[in-house]
Amino acid sequence: MNNIFLVLGFMDVFKGGKKGSLKYYEKKLHEFQEQEAEVLIDMGVIYLENDDIHNALKCFKDALDHYFKVDYPEGEAYAYDLIGDSYLILRNGNMALKNYEKSFETYSLMGSSLSDEMEEKIEDVKKIMGSTDFISCDLDDEQEKTLLEMDYFDETTLAEFCQSSKVDESKSDSIEMETVLKKLDDCLELIENFDDYRIYNDSRSIDYLNEALYTAKAIEDFKGQGTLNLIIGNNYLHDNDIPNSLNHFNNANKSFRQSKNFIGESISLLFMGVVFFVLNEKEQMYDVFKNSLNIIREKGYQNEEELALNIIEMLST
């Protein structure tokens, strides 16, 4: 009899919005995520005031992710606005406009009067960009380098970078690229969940791979997203499609960082280094190789270090 009362009492706890019910904790989680987003926004603004644009962008983009999760459009619009401000400070007018327009669209869908202010801001930025005093970061090597070193690359920026950087055929011919590509295939084997996706890698079908990537995104499987992006990027690299390969390697790196998969993070940086070699972008190549080795040595990954040093040595001759 006592057991029956215990069960009945336990069931009663989960009714309504009482503490202990699933709905109660879902509501609390929603509140915490919203509060975390607000804290990230505040931190980002402080970074912005201190001219630390790199960390400001990281905070604003993390806040945007949180606002998406809790379905808070006003927060999304504000985050887009601040991201646009950050890119404008970097004199990347195109990226600033892209985010301002997303902010405007979000405010408009909400029916908010703030959409009018955003519309005016967009027009002002377009005028600034048309001025002879405005120098786009796309034309400035140092500013371009700053953007490429950011944790958050943008597909448009990556494509523009690849278009402006010519593939150096002499560099590719001076070493056996097939040997390097084989080493990268070996690197894939070191990813802890690679066996789960081996069938996709063996298929070499981009459509098949993209379908799997879509599923991984839908269930928020960040490890899976990282591995699939790495496989897709590797396929593009084999086909000499540099913009798509770099974009997917960057996305893999972000996913691995998000899931705290250090092996994946370090290996994705190695893949990016090879792309920068093909583009004859030595500074970027050595930067990502250095970051990759730092992670590998800090975590004591011996097999990964041996492969990494092998690749770096081949590309440094």
C-alpha atoms as a PDB file:
ATOM      1  CA  MET A   1       0.000   0.000   0.000  1.00  0.00           C
ATOM      2  CA  ASN A   2       2.821   2.379   0.883  1.00  0.00           C
ATOM      3  CA  ASN A   3       4.349   1.766  -2.545  1.00  0.00           C
ATOM      4  CA  ILE A   4       1.097   2.808  -4.217  1.00  0.00           C
ATOM      5  CA  PHE A   5       1.060   6.061  -2.251  1.00  0.00           C
ATOM      6  CA  LEU A   6       4.696   6.678  -3.193  1.00  0.00           C
ATOM      7  CA  VAL A   7       3.900   6.213  -6.888  1.00  0.00           C
ATOM      8  CA  LEU A   8       0.830   8.430  -6.676  1.00  0.00           C
ATOM      9  CA  GLY A   9       2.854  11.092  -4.861  1.00  0.00           C
ATOM     10  CA  PHE A  10       5.623  10.888  -7.439  1.00  0.00           C
ATOM     11  CA  MET A  11       3.136  11.292 -10.314  1.00  0.00           C
ATOM     12  CA  ASP A  12       1.558  14.274  -8.603  1.00  0.00           C
ATOM     13  CA  VAL A  13       4.900  16.088  -8.534  1.00  0.00           C
ATOM     14  CA  PHE A  14       4.983  16.058 -12.348  1.00  0.00           C
ATOM     15  CA  LYS A  15       1.556  17.664 -12.771  1.00  0.00           C
ATOM     16  CA  GLY A  16       1.270  21.332 -13.659  1.00  0.00           C
ATOM     17  CA  GLY A  17       4.153  23.745 -13.208  1.00  0.00           C
ATOM     18  CA  LYS A  18       5.302  22.639  -9.798  1.00  0.00           C
ATOM     19  CA  LYS A  19       8.968  22.405  -8.956  1.00  0.00           C
ATOM     20  CA  GLY A  20      10.093  18.942  -9.986  1.00  0.00           C
ATOM     21  CA  SER A  21       7.954  18.779 -13.123  1.00  0.00           C
ATOM     22  CA  LEU A  22       9.439  18.591 -16.611  1.00  0.00           C
ATOM     23  CA  LYS A  23       7.607  21.762 -17.663  1.00  0.00           C
ATOM     24  CA  TYR A  24       9.041  23.621 -14.687  1.00  0.00           C
ATOM     25  CA  TYR A  25      12.623  22.729 -15.615  1.00  0.00           C
ATOM     26  CA  GLU A  26      12.042  23.409 -19.311  1.00  0.00           C
ATOM     27  CA  LYS A  27      10.846  26.873 -18.360  1.00  0.00           C
ATOM     28  CA  LYS A  28      13.858  27.410 -16.076  1.00  0.00           C
ATOM     29  CA  LEU A  29      16.242  26.227 -18.817  1.00  0.00           C
ATOM     30  CA  HIS A  30      14.611  28.655 -21.253  1.00  0.00           C
ATOM     31  CA  GLU A  31      15.083  31.483 -18.752  1.00  0.00           C
ATOM     32  CA  PHE A  32      18.723  30.568 -18.101  1.00  0.00           C
ATOM     33  CA  GLN A  33      19.521  30.457 -21.837  1.00  0.00           C
ATOM     34  CA  GLU A  34      17.921  33.858 -22.318  1.00  0.00           C
ATOM     35  CA  GLN A  35      19.877  35.268 -19.363  1.00  0.00           C
ATOM     36  CA  GLU A  36      23.096  33.759 -20.709  1.00  0.00           C
ATOM     37  CA  ALA A  37      22.464  35.444 -24.058  1.00  0.00           C
ATOM     38  CA  GLU A  38      21.983  38.789 -22.303  1.00  0.00           C
ATOM     39  CA  VAL A  39      25.252  38.321 -20.398  1.00  0.00           C
ATOM     40  CA  LEU A  40      27.050  37.491 -23.658  1.00  0.00           C
ATOM     41  CA  ILE A  41      25.643  40.656 -25.230  1.00  0.00           C
ATOM     42  CA  ASP A  42      26.845  42.750 -22.281  1.00  0.00           C
ATOM     43  CA  MET A  43      30.312  41.159 -22.463  1.00  0.00           C
ATOM     44  CA  GLY A  44      30.437  41.738 -26.215  1.00  0.00           C
ATOM     45  CA  VAL A  45      29.599  45.425 -25.809  1.00  0.00           C
ATOM     46  CA  ILE A  46      32.425  45.786 -23.260  1.00  0.00           C
ATOM     47  CA  TYR A  47      34.844  44.074 -25.670  1.00  0.00           C
ATOM     48  CA  LEU A  48      33.619  46.382 -28.428  1.00  0.00           C
ATOM     49  CA  GLU A  49      34.217  49.467 -26.277  1.00  0.00           C
ATOM     50  CA  ASN A  50      37.738  48.187 -25.599  1.00  0.00           C
ATOM     51  CA  ASP A  51      38.389  47.648 -29.338  1.00  0.00           C
ATOM     52  CA  ASP A  52      38.620  43.871 -28.890  1.00  0.00           C
ATOM     53  CA  ILE A  53      36.547  43.094 -31.987  1.00  0.00           C
ATOM     54  CA  HIS A  54      37.535  39.420 -32.118  1.00  0.00           C
ATOM     55  CA  ASN A  55      36.047  38.589 -28.707  1.00  0.00           C
ATOM     56  CA  ALA A  56      33.113  40.947 -29.258  1.00  0.00           C
ATOM     57  CA  LEU A  57      32.120  39.009 -32.385  1.00  0.00           C
ATOM     58  CA  LYS A  58      32.451  35.707 -30.533  1.00  0.00           C
ATOM     59  CA  CYS A  59      30.131  36.917 -27.770  1.00  0.00           C
ATOM     60  CA  PHE A  60      27.538  38.360 -30.171  1.00  0.00           C
ATOM     61  CA  LYS A  61      27.477  35.207 -32.293  1.00  0.00           C
ATOM     62  CA  ASP A  62      27.179  32.974 -29.234  1.00  0.00           C
ATOM     63  CA  ALA A  63      24.329  35.179 -28.002  1.00  0.00           C
ATOM     64  CA  LEU A  64      22.646  34.875 -31.402  1.00  0.00           C
ATOM     65  CA  ASP A  65      22.805  31.069 -31.139  1.00  0.00           C
ATOM     66  CA  HIS A  66      21.169  31.229 -27.710  1.00  0.00           C
ATOM     67  CA  TYR A  67      18.403  33.523 -28.968  1.00  0.00           C
ATOM     68  CA  PHE A  68      17.711  31.093 -31.803  1.00  0.00           C
ATOM     69  CA  LYS A  69      17.384  28.230 -29.315  1.00  0.00           C
ATOM     70  CA  VAL A  70      14.854  30.080 -27.152  1.00  0.00           C
ATOM     71  CA  ASP A  71      13.059  31.524 -30.203  1.00  0.00           C
ATOM     72  CA  TYR A  72      13.465  35.168 -29.167  1.00  0.00           C
ATOM     73  CA  PRO A  73      13.330  37.244 -32.397  1.00  0.00           C
ATOM     74  CA  GLU A  74      13.953  40.599 -30.713  1.00  0.00           C
ATOM     75  CA  GLY A  75      17.195  39.254 -29.252  1.00  0.00           C
ATOM     76  CA  GLU A  76      18.169  37.818 -32.648  1.00  0.00           C
ATOM     77  CA  ALA A  77      17.615  41.177 -34.346  1.00  0.00           C
ATOM     78  CA  TYR A  78      19.666  43.009 -31.716  1.00  0.00           C
ATOM     79  CA  ALA A  79      22.506  40.469 -31.980  1.00  0.00           C
ATOM     80  CA  TYR A  80      22.559  40.832 -35.783  1.00  0.00           C
ATOM     81  CA  ASP A  81      22.743  44.611 -35.337  1.00  0.00           C
ATOM     82  CA  LEU A  82      25.756  44.335 -33.006  1.00  0.00           C
ATOM     83  CA  ILE A  83      27.496  41.830 -35.292  1.00  0.00           C
ATOM     84  CA  GLY A  84      27.010  44.335 -38.113  1.00  0.00           C
ATOM     85  CA  ASP A  85      28.549  47.083 -35.956  1.00  0.00           C
ATOM     86  CA  SER A  86      31.578  44.868 -35.303  1.00  0.00           C
ATOM     87  CA  TYR A  87      32.147  44.183 -38.982  1.00  0.00           C
ATOM     88  CA  LEU A  88      31.705  47.871 -39.804  1.00  0.00           C
ATOM     89  CA  ILE A  89      34.487  48.723 -37.333  1.00  0.00           C
ATOM     90  CA  LEU A  90      36.617  46.195 -39.229  1.00  0.00           C
ATOM     91  CA  ARG A  91      35.631  48.077 -42.407  1.00  0.00           C
ATOM     92  CA  ASN A  92      34.020  44.972 -43.827  1.00  0.00           C
ATOM     93  CA  GLY A  93      31.049  46.808 -45.293  1.00  0.00           C
ATOM     94  CA  ASN A  94      29.551  43.804 -47.074  1.00  0.00           C
ATOM     95  CA  MET A  95      29.382  41.710 -43.920  1.00  0.00           C
ATOM     96  CA  ALA A  96      28.082  44.678 -41.925  1.00  0.00           C
ATOM     97  CA  LEU A  97      25.257  45.197 -44.444  1.00  0.00           C
ATOM     98  CA  LYS A  98      24.457  41.488 -44.512  1.00  0.00           C
ATOM     99  CA  ASN A  99      23.875  41.452 -40.743  1.00  0.00           C
ATOM    100  CA  TYR A 100      22.066  44.798 -40.659  1.00  0.00           C
ATOM    101  CA  GLU A 101      19.680  43.483 -43.316  1.00  0.00           C
ATOM    102  CA  LYS A 102      19.005  40.351 -41.254  1.00  0.00           C
ATOM    103  CA  SER A 103      18.273  42.597 -38.277  1.00  0.00           C
ATOM    104  CA  PHE A 104      15.942  44.714 -40.402  1.00  0.00           C
ATOM    105  CA  GLU A 105      14.109  41.623 -41.718  1.00  0.00           C
ATOM    106  CA  THR A 106      13.644  40.228 -38.208  1.00  0.00           C
ATOM    107  CA  TYR A 107      12.349  43.510 -36.797  1.00  0.00           C
ATOM    108  CA  SER A 108      10.010  43.867 -39.801  1.00  0.00           C
ATOM    109  CA  LEU A 109       8.550  40.381 -39.288  1.00  0.00           C
ATOM    110  CA  MET A 110       7.884  41.320 -35.663  1.00  0.00           C
ATOM    111  CA  GLY A 111       6.191  44.548 -36.723  1.00  0.00           C
ATOM    112  CA  SER A 112       8.672  46.478 -34.579  1.00  0.00           C
ATOM    113  CA  SER A 113       9.232  50.200 -35.126  1.00  0.00           C
ATOM    114  CA  LEU A 114      12.961  49.476 -34.788  1.00  0.00           C
ATOM    115  CA  SER A 115      12.851  48.253 -38.387  1.00  0.00           C
ATOM    116  CA  ASP A 116      12.645  51.915 -39.465  1.00  0.00           C
ATOM    117  CA  GLU A 117      15.827  52.730 -37.563  1.00  0.00           C
ATOM    118  CA  MET A 118      17.587  49.740 -39.122  1.00  0.00           C
ATOM    119  CA  GLU A 119      16.457  50.821 -42.583  1.00  0.00           C
ATOM    120  CA  GLU A 120      18.007  54.245 -42.027  1.00  0.00           C
ATOM    121  CA  LYS A 121      21.190  52.624 -40.708  1.00  0.00           C
ATOM    122  CA  ILE A 122      21.457  50.451 -43.832  1.00  0.00           C
ATOM    123  CA  GLU A 123      21.111  53.496 -46.084  1.00  0.00           C
ATOM    124  CA  ASP A 124      23.763  55.348 -44.075  1.00  0.00           C
ATOM    125  CA  VAL A 125      26.191  52.429 -44.364  1.00  0.00           C
ATOM    126  CA  LYS A 126      25.619  52.218 -48.115  1.00  0.00           C
ATOM    127  CA  LYS A 127      26.497  55.909 -48.390  1.00  0.00           C
ATOM    128  CA  ILE A 128      29.616  55.396 -46.261  1.00  0.00           C
ATOM    129  CA  MET A 129      30.675  52.476 -48.456  1.00  0.00           C
ATOM    130  CA  GLY A 130      30.229  54.633 -51.535  1.00  0.00           C
ATOM    131  CA  SER A 131      32.507  57.303 -50.107  1.00  0.00           C
ATOM    132  CA  THR A 132      36.107  57.515 -51.287  1.00  0.00           C
ATOM    133  CA  ASP A 133      37.134  57.697 -47.620  1.00  0.00           C
ATOM    134  CA  PHE A 134      35.830  54.176 -46.965  1.00  0.00           C
ATOM    135  CA  ILE A 135      38.402  51.458 -47.616  1.00  0.00           C
ATOM    136  CA  SER A 136      36.869  47.993 -47.715  1.00  0.00           C
ATOM    137  CA  CYS A 137      38.754  45.343 -45.778  1.00  0.00           C
ATOM    138  CA  ASP A 138      38.541  43.168 -48.885  1.00  0.00           C
ATOM    139  CA  LEU A 139      41.189  45.458 -50.382  1.00  0.00           C
ATOM    140  CA  ASP A 140      43.383  45.521 -47.288  1.00  0.00           C
ATOM    141  CA  ASP A 141      45.673  42.524 -46.714  1.00  0.00           C
ATOM    142  CA  GLU A 142      46.109  43.103 -42.990  1.00  0.00           C
ATOM    143  CA  GLN A 143      42.376  43.451 -42.360  1.00  0.00           C
ATOM    144  CA  GLU A 144      41.661  40.406 -44.516  1.00  0.00           C
ATOM    145  CA  LYS A 145      44.179  38.452 -42.451  1.00  0.00           C
ATOM    146  CA  THR A 146      42.422  39.600 -39.262  1.00  0.00           C
ATOM    147  CA  LEU A 147      39.107  38.284 -40.546  1.00  0.00           C
ATOM    148  CA  LEU A 148      40.608  34.978 -41.594  1.00  0.00           C
ATOM    149  CA  GLU A 149      42.033  34.487 -38.115  1.00  0.00           C
ATOM    150  CA  MET A 150      38.586  34.950 -36.555  1.00  0.00           C
ATOM    151  CA  ASP A 151      36.886  31.968 -34.990  1.00  0.00           C
ATOM    152  CA  TYR A 152      33.841  32.696 -37.127  1.00  0.00           C
ATOM    153  CA  PHE A 153      34.501  32.688 -40.856  1.00  0.00           C
ATOM    154  CA  ASP A 154      31.751  33.605 -43.260  1.00  0.00           C
ATOM    155  CA  GLU A 155      31.018  31.677 -46.474  1.00  0.00           C
ATOM    156  CA  THR A 156      30.993  34.879 -48.523  1.00  0.00           C
ATOM    157  CA  THR A 157      34.282  36.078 -47.051  1.00  0.00           C
ATOM    158  CA  LEU A 158      35.894  32.700 -47.661  1.00  0.00           C
ATOM    159  CA  ALA A 159      34.703  32.611 -51.270  1.00  0.00           C
ATOM    160  CA  GLU A 160      35.987  36.145 -51.897  1.00  0.00           C
ATOM    161  CA  PHE A 161      39.303  35.222 -50.284  1.00  0.00           C
ATOM    162  CA  CYS A 162      39.696  32.171 -52.510  1.00  0.00           C
ATOM    163  CA  GLN A 163      38.783  34.155 -55.627  1.00  0.00           C
ATOM    164  CA  SER A 164      41.350  36.831 -54.813  1.00  0.00           C
ATOM    165  CA  SER A 165      44.047  34.237 -54.087  1.00  0.00           C
ATOM    166  CA  LYS A 166      45.254  32.322 -57.098  1.00  0.00           C
ATOM    167  CA  VAL A 167      46.184  28.670 -56.824  1.00  0.00           C
ATOM    168  CA  ASP A 168      49.948  28.451 -57.132  1.00  0.00           C
ATOM    169  CA  GLU A 169      50.503  25.645 -59.632  1.00  0.00           C
ATOM    170  CA  SER A 170      54.257  25.663 -59.084  1.00  0.00           C
ATOM    171  CA  LYS A 171      53.763  25.028 -55.359  1.00  0.00           C
ATOM    172  CA  SER A 172      51.374  22.178 -56.088  1.00  0.00           C
ATOM    173  CA  ASP A 173      53.774  20.673 -58.611  1.00  0.00           C
ATOM    174  CA  SER A 174      56.881  21.055 -56.424  1.00  0.00           C
ATOM    175  CA  ILE A 175      55.673  18.281 -54.140  1.00  0.00           C
ATOM    176  CA  GLU A 176      53.585  15.196 -54.705  1.00  0.00           C
ATOM    177  CA  MET A 177      50.109  16.519 -53.849  1.00  0.00           C
ATOM    178  CA  GLU A 178      48.777  12.987 -54.131  1.00  0.00           C
ATOM    179  CA  THR A 179      51.039  12.048 -51.232  1.00  0.00           C
ATOM    180  CA  VAL A 180      49.732  14.965 -49.150  1.00  0.00           C
ATOM    181  CA  LEU A 181      46.126  14.047 -49.955  1.00  0.00           C
ATOM    182  CA  LYS A 182      46.838  10.463 -48.898  1.00  0.00           C
ATOM    183  CA  LYS A 183      48.197  11.776 -45.581  1.00  0.00           C
ATOM    184  CA  LEU A 184      44.973  13.761 -45.099  1.00  0.00           C
ATOM    185  CA  ASP A 185      42.975  10.591 -45.750  1.00  0.00           C
ATOM    186  CA  ASP A 186      45.043   8.977 -42.982  1.00  0.00           C
ATOM    187  CA  CYS A 187      44.165  11.917 -40.704  1.00  0.00           C
ATOM    188  CA  LEU A 188      40.461  11.188 -41.189  1.00  0.00           C
ATOM    189  CA  GLU A 189      41.027   7.729 -39.715  1.00  0.00           C
ATOM    190  CA  LEU A 190      42.095   9.386 -36.447  1.00  0.00           C
ATOM    191  CA  ILE A 191      38.709  11.079 -35.930  1.00  0.00           C
ATOM    192  CA  GLU A 192      37.053   9.091 -33.140  1.00  0.00           C
ATOM    193  CA  ASN A 193      33.662   8.712 -34.855  1.00  0.00           C
ATOM    194  CA  PHE A 194      34.990   8.339 -38.417  1.00  0.00           C
ATOM    195  CA  ASP A 195      33.925   4.671 -38.600  1.00  0.00           C
ATOM    196  CA  ASP A 196      30.315   5.792 -38.142  1.00  0.00           C
ATOM    197  CA  TYR A 197      30.606   7.762 -41.384  1.00  0.00           C
ATOM    198  CA  ARG A 198      33.036   5.582 -43.344  1.00  0.00           C
ATOM    199  CA  ILE A 199      30.268   4.475 -45.706  1.00  0.00           C
ATOM    200  CA  TYR A 200      29.599   8.121 -46.603  1.00  0.00           C
ATOM    201  CA  ASN A 201      33.301   8.743 -47.214  1.00  0.00           C
ATOM    202  CA  ASP A 202      33.629   5.663 -49.406  1.00  0.00           C
ATOM    203  CA  SER A 203      30.607   6.680 -51.473  1.00  0.00           C
ATOM    204  CA  ARG A 204      32.279   9.953 -52.564  1.00  0.00           C
ATOM    205  CA  SER A 205      28.764  11.255 -53.267  1.00  0.00           C
ATOM    206  CA  ILE A 206      28.368  14.913 -52.296  1.00  0.00           C
ATOM    207  CA  ASP A 207      24.555  14.613 -52.369  1.00  0.00           C
ATOM    208  CA  TYR A 208      24.693  11.601 -50.049  1.00  0.00           C
ATOM    209  CA  LEU A 209      27.097  13.430 -47.728  1.00  0.00           C
ATOM    210  CA  ASN A 210      25.035  16.636 -47.694  1.00  0.00           C
ATOM    211  CA  GLU A 211      21.945  14.636 -46.791  1.00  0.00           C
ATOM    212  CA  ALA A 212      23.788  13.104 -43.838  1.00  0.00           C
ATOM    213  CA  LEU A 213      25.062  16.553 -42.821  1.00  0.00           C
ATOM    214  CA  TYR A 214      21.507  17.932 -42.915  1.00  0.00           C
ATOM    215  CA  THR A 215      20.394  15.160 -40.542  1.00  0.00           C
ATOM    216  CA  ALA A 216      23.318  15.824 -38.177  1.00  0.00           C
ATOM    217  CA  LYS A 217      22.354  19.513 -38.053  1.00  0.00           C
ATOM    218  CA  ALA A 218      18.697  18.686 -37.403  1.00  0.00           C
ATOM    219  CA  ILE A 219      19.576  16.627 -34.302  1.00  0.00           C
ATOM    220  CA  GLU A 220      22.374  19.026 -33.242  1.00  0.00           C
ATOM    221  CA  ASP A 221      25.028  16.303 -33.519  1.00  0.00           C
ATOM    222  CA  PHE A 222      28.076  18.602 -33.533  1.00  0.00           C
ATOM    223  CA  LYS A 223      30.618  15.768 -33.638  1.00  0.00           C
ATOM    224  CA  GLY A 224      28.826  14.304 -36.635  1.00  0.00           C
ATOM    225  CA  GLN A 225      28.672  17.714 -38.312  1.00  0.00           C
ATOM    226  CA  GLY A 226      32.403  18.146 -37.786  1.00  0.00           C
ATOM    227  CA  THR A 227      33.296  14.763 -39.272  1.00  0.00           C
ATOM    228  CA  LEU A 228      30.924  15.120 -42.233  1.00  0.00           C
ATOM    229  CA  ASN A 229      32.160  18.638 -43.021  1.00  0.00           C
ATOM    230  CA  LEU A 230      35.715  17.290 -42.944  1.00  0.00           C
ATOM    231  CA  ILE A 231      34.826  14.440 -45.331  1.00  0.00           C
ATOM    232  CA  ILE A 232      32.941  16.771 -47.696  1.00  0.00           C
ATOM    233  CA  GLY A 233      35.765  19.317 -47.663  1.00  0.00           C
ATOM    234  CA  ASN A 234      38.288  16.556 -48.353  1.00  0.00           C
ATOM    235  CA  ASN A 235      36.243  15.454 -51.376  1.00  0.00           C
ATOM    236  CA  TYR A 236      36.227  19.019 -52.684  1.00  0.00           C
ATOM    237  CA  LEU A 237      39.978  19.284 -52.117  1.00  0.00           C
ATOM    238  CA  HIS A 238      40.547  16.110 -54.142  1.00  0.00           C
ATOM    239  CA  ASP A 239      38.502  17.785 -56.912  1.00  0.00           C
ATOM    240  CA  ASN A 240      40.567  20.990 -56.549  1.00  0.00           C
ATOM    241  CA  ASP A 241      37.460  22.972 -55.518  1.00  0.00           C
ATOM    242  CA  ILE A 242      39.302  25.282 -53.106  1.00  0.00           C
ATOM    243  CA  PRO A 243      36.483  27.631 -51.932  1.00  0.00           C
ATOM    244  CA  ASN A 244      34.164  24.769 -50.989  1.00  0.00           C
ATOM    245  CA  SER A 245      36.930  22.756 -49.341  1.00  0.00           C
ATOM    246  CA  LEU A 246      38.034  25.699 -47.164  1.00  0.00           C
ATOM    247  CA  ASN A 247      34.456  26.521 -46.223  1.00  0.00           C
ATOM    248  CA  HIS A 248      33.722  22.957 -45.072  1.00  0.00           C
ATOM    249  CA  PHE A 249      37.020  22.645 -43.195  1.00  0.00           C
ATOM    250  CA  ASN A 250      36.175  25.869 -41.358  1.00  0.00           C
ATOM    251  CA  ASN A 251      32.678  24.569 -40.523  1.00  0.00           C
ATOM    252  CA  ALA A 252      34.223  21.322 -39.298  1.00  0.00           C
ATOM    253  CA  ASN A 253      36.558  23.280 -37.043  1.00  0.00           C
ATOM    254  CA  LYS A 254      33.651  25.242 -35.534  1.00  0.00           C
ATOM    255  CA  SER A 255      31.615  22.071 -34.920  1.00  0.00           C
ATOM    256  CA  PHE A 256      34.534  20.256 -33.305  1.00  0.00           C
ATOM    257  CA  ARG A 257      35.206  23.247 -31.041  1.00  0.00           C
ATOM    258  CA  GLN A 258      31.551  23.369 -30.063  1.00  0.00           C
ATOM    259  CA  SER A 259      31.619  19.684 -29.076  1.00  0.00           C
ATOM    260  CA  LYS A 260      35.063  20.053 -27.407  1.00  0.00           C
ATOM    261  CA  ASN A 261      36.488  17.414 -29.754  1.00  0.00           C
ATOM    262  CA  PHE A 262      40.161  18.396 -29.618  1.00  0.00           C
ATOM    263  CA  ILE A 263      41.393  15.750 -32.061  1.00  0.00           C
ATOM    264  CA  GLY A 264      38.828  16.897 -34.624  1.00  0.00           C
ATOM    265  CA  GLU A 265      39.671  20.544 -33.993  1.00  0.00           C
ATOM    266  CA  SER A 266      43.397  20.003 -34.506  1.00  0.00           C
ATOM    267  CA  ILE A 267      42.941  17.850 -37.621  1.00  0.00           C
ATOM    268  CA  SER A 268      40.537  20.325 -39.242  1.00  0.00           C
ATOM    269  CA  LEU A 269      43.234  22.993 -38.805  1.00  0.00           C
ATOM    270  CA  LEU A 270      45.707  20.717 -40.601  1.00  0.00           C
ATOM    271  CA  PHE A 271      43.306  20.403 -43.527  1.00  0.00           C
ATOM    272  CA  MET A 272      42.927  24.195 -43.643  1.00  0.00           C
ATOM    273  CA  GLY A 273      46.715  24.565 -43.630  1.00  0.00           C
ATOM    274  CA  VAL A 274      46.977  22.423 -46.762  1.00  0.00           C
ATOM    275  CA  VAL A 275      44.416  24.645 -48.515  1.00  0.00           C
ATOM    276  CA  PHE A 276      46.408  27.749 -47.569  1.00  0.00           C
ATOM    277  CA  PHE A 277      49.505  26.039 -48.989  1.00  0.00           C
ATOM    278  CA  VAL A 278      47.722  25.501 -52.316  1.00  0.00           C
ATOM    279  CA  LEU A 279      46.707  29.178 -52.267  1.00  0.00           C
ATOM    280  CA  ASN A 280      50.324  30.124 -51.482  1.00  0.00           C
ATOM    281  CA  GLU A 281      49.181  31.923 -48.320  1.00  0.00           C
ATOM    282  CA  LYS A 282      52.196  31.115 -46.168  1.00  0.00           C
ATOM    283  CA  GLU A 283      51.312  33.239 -43.112  1.00  0.00           C
ATOM    284  CA  GLN A 284      47.846  31.731 -42.778  1.00  0.00           C
ATOM    285  CA  MET A 285      49.276  28.260 -43.376  1.00  0.00           C
ATOM    286  CA  TYR A 286      51.848  28.528 -40.580  1.00  0.00           C
ATOM    287  CA  ASP A 287      49.290  30.124 -38.216  1.00  0.00           C
ATOM    288  CA  VAL A 288      46.810  27.253 -38.493  1.00  0.00           C
ATOM    289  CA  PHE A 289      49.586  24.635 -38.383  1.00  0.00           C
ATOM    290  CA  LYS A 290      50.908  26.250 -35.195  1.00  0.00           C
ATOM    291  CA  ASN A 291      47.443  26.239 -33.611  1.00  0.00           C
ATOM    292  CA  SER A 292      46.957  22.608 -34.610  1.00  0.00           C
ATOM    293  CA  LEU A 293      50.282  21.518 -33.085  1.00  0.00           C
ATOM    294  CA  ASN A 294      49.585  23.476 -29.904  1.00  0.00           C
ATOM    295  CA  ILE A 295      46.377  21.499 -29.354  1.00  0.00           C
ATOM    296  CA  ILE A 296      47.994  18.170 -30.265  1.00  0.00           C
ATOM    297  CA  ARG A 297      50.956  18.672 -27.910  1.00  0.00           C
ATOM    298  CA  GLU A 298      48.841  20.049 -25.079  1.00  0.00           C
ATOM    299  CA  LYS A 299      46.635  16.942 -25.205  1.00  0.00           C
ATOM    300  CA  GLY A 300      49.530  14.531 -25.802  1.00  0.00           C
ATOM    301  CA  TYR A 301      48.198  13.042 -29.047  1.00  0.00           C
ATOM    302  CA  GLN A 302      51.279  11.156 -30.299  1.00  0.00           C
ATOM    303  CA  ASN A 303      49.854   9.597 -33.483  1.00  0.00           C
ATOM    304  CA  GLU A 304      48.323  12.902 -34.512  1.00  0.00           C
ATOM    305  CA  GLU A 305      51.589  14.736 -33.857  1.00  0.00           C
ATOM    306  CA  GLU A 306      53.573  12.332 -36.029  1.00  0.00           C
ATOM    307  CA  LEU A 307      51.154  12.768 -38.944  1.00  0.00           C
ATOM    308  CA  ALA A 308      50.947  16.535 -38.476  1.00  0.00           C
ATOM    309  CA  LEU A 309      54.724  16.963 -38.449  1.00  0.00           C
ATOM    310  CA  ASN A 310      54.976  14.757 -41.530  1.00  0.00           C
ATOM    311  CA  ILE A 311      52.520  16.958 -43.444  1.00  0.00           C
ATOM    312  CA  ILE A 312      54.081  20.205 -42.230  1.00  0.00           C
ATOM    313  CA  GLU A 313      57.538  19.002 -43.187  1.00  0.00           C
ATOM    314  CA  MET A 314      56.359  18.084 -46.688  1.00  0.00           C
ATOM    315  CA  LEU A 315      54.801  21.511 -47.232  1.00  0.00           C
ATOM    316  CA  SER A 316      57.695  23.455 -45.742  1.00  0.00           C
ATOM    317  CA  THR A 317      60.352  22.244 -48.188  1.00  0.00           C
END
